[in-house]
C-alpha cells in the first residue's frame, strides 16, 4: 500500500499515512528560521516497519529542498537518525558560542 506524506502546519506536524491509516507523525516547532523536531511517534500497531525513519527522511528532504530552515533535533529519535546519516548534517542548526 502506498505511503502518503503531508506537512500539516496548522497542527505543527508531518504525517505519514498508509492508505487511510495514520501510521506515524513528527511534531515540530517552526520559528521561521529553525524547525525543532520535538517528537517522532508511530502508532503502536504499525511499529517495526520503519515508518519513523521514513517520516524523518521525508521531512528532512522537504526542508532541504526549501532551503530556508535549519533543523534542531530535540527528539531522541531524530537525533539518532542524524547520527546514522551524517551526510545530511548540513541542515542542522549550529548553536553559536557566546
Protein backbone atom coordinates (compact mmCIF):
# COMPACT_ATOMS: atom_id res chain seq x y z
CA UNK A 1 0.00 0.00 0.00
CA UNK A 2 1.26 3.47 -0.89
CA UNK A 3 2.54 5.87 1.75
CA UNK A 4 1.36 9.47 1.75
CA UNK A 5 3.48 12.17 3.42
CA UNK A 6 1.96 15.54 4.30
CA UNK A 7 3.00 18.64 6.18
CA UNK A 8 0.18 19.79 8.45
CA UNK A 9 1.36 23.25 9.57
CA UNK A 10 -1.88 24.03 11.43
CA UNK A 11 -1.13 21.02 13.66
CA UNK A 12 2.67 21.63 13.64
CA UNK A 13 3.34 18.13 12.42
CA UNK A 14 4.26 15.97 9.49
CA UNK A 15 2.02 12.95 8.95
CA UNK A 16 2.61 9.63 7.22
CA UNK A 17 -0.38 7.59 6.13
CA UNK A 18 -0.70 4.15 4.62
CA UNK A 19 -3.96 4.25 2.73
CA UNK A 20 -6.47 5.78 5.15
CA UNK A 21 -4.45 4.85 8.25
CA UNK A 22 -2.30 7.39 10.07
CA UNK A 23 0.86 5.41 10.85
CA UNK A 24 3.38 8.00 12.06
CA UNK A 25 3.71 11.67 12.95
CA UNK A 26 6.61 14.03 13.50
CA UNK A 27 5.78 17.04 15.66
CA UNK A 28 7.72 20.26 15.20
CA UNK A 29 8.04 23.92 16.20
CA UNK A 30 8.85 26.31 13.34
CA UNK A 31 10.04 29.78 14.37
CA UNK A 32 10.71 31.00 10.82
CA UNK A 33 14.42 30.18 10.88
CA UNK A 34 14.61 26.79 12.55
CA UNK A 35 12.40 23.73 12.81
CA UNK A 36 12.69 21.97 16.16
CA UNK A 37 11.65 18.36 15.62
CA UNK A 38 10.16 17.57 19.01
CA UNK A 39 8.56 14.11 18.76
CA UNK A 40 8.51 11.22 16.33
CA UNK A 41 5.64 8.85 17.06
CA UNK A 42 4.44 5.71 15.33
CA UNK A 43 1.05 4.23 16.14
CA UNK A 44 1.83 1.07 18.16
CA UNK A 45 0.12 -1.35 15.73
CA UNK A 46 2.36 -0.03 12.90
CA UNK A 47 5.70 -0.11 14.76
CA UNK A 48 8.59 -2.14 13.43
CA UNK A 49 8.11 -1.22 9.76
CA UNK A 50 10.49 1.74 9.53
CA UNK A 51 7.79 4.41 9.44
CA UNK A 52 9.56 6.75 11.91
CA UNK A 53 12.66 6.64 9.73
CA UNK A 54 10.56 7.20 6.62
CA UNK A 55 8.76 10.26 8.00
CA UNK A 56 12.04 11.72 9.30
CA UNK A 57 13.70 11.19 5.91
CA UNK A 58 10.84 12.85 4.06
CA UNK A 59 10.64 15.80 6.47
CA UNK A 60 14.40 16.41 6.21
CA UNK A 61 14.24 16.15 2.41
CA UNK A 62 11.37 18.67 2.27
CA UNK A 63 13.25 21.14 4.46
CA UNK A 64 16.46 20.65 2.47
CA UNK A 65 14.53 21.37 -0.75
CA UNK A 66 13.01 24.54 0.73
CA UNK A 67 16.43 25.70 1.89
CA UNK A 68 15.14 28.34 4.31
CA UNK A 69 15.25 26.50 7.65
CA UNK A 70 17.70 24.62 9.82
CA UNK A 71 16.71 21.65 11.98
CA UNK A 72 17.10 21.29 15.74
CA UNK A 73 16.72 17.59 16.62
CA UNK A 74 15.01 17.81 20.02
CA UNK A 75 13.53 14.31 19.78
CA UNK A 76 15.98 11.49 20.60
CA UNK A 77 14.84 9.53 17.54
CA UNK A 78 15.56 12.41 15.17
CA UNK A 79 18.97 12.96 16.82
CA UNK A 80 19.76 9.25 16.35
CA UNK A 81 18.59 9.44 12.72
CA UNK A 82 21.04 12.29 12.03
CA UNK A 83 23.82 10.34 13.79
CA UNK A 84 23.13 7.47 11.38
CA UNK A 85 23.01 9.85 8.38
CA UNK A 86 25.99 12.22 8.87
CA UNK A 87 25.84 13.21 5.19
CA UNK A 88 22.59 15.09 6.00
CA UNK A 89 24.09 17.12 8.89
CA UNK A 90 24.45 20.26 6.75
CA UNK A 91 20.88 21.26 7.59
CA UNK A 92 21.39 21.03 11.36
CA UNK A 93 21.31 24.27 13.33
CA UNK A 94 24.68 25.07 14.81
CA UNK A 95 24.44 26.84 18.14
CA UNK A 96 26.55 29.95 18.32
CA UNK A 97 29.12 30.10 21.10
CA UNK A 98 28.90 33.29 23.12
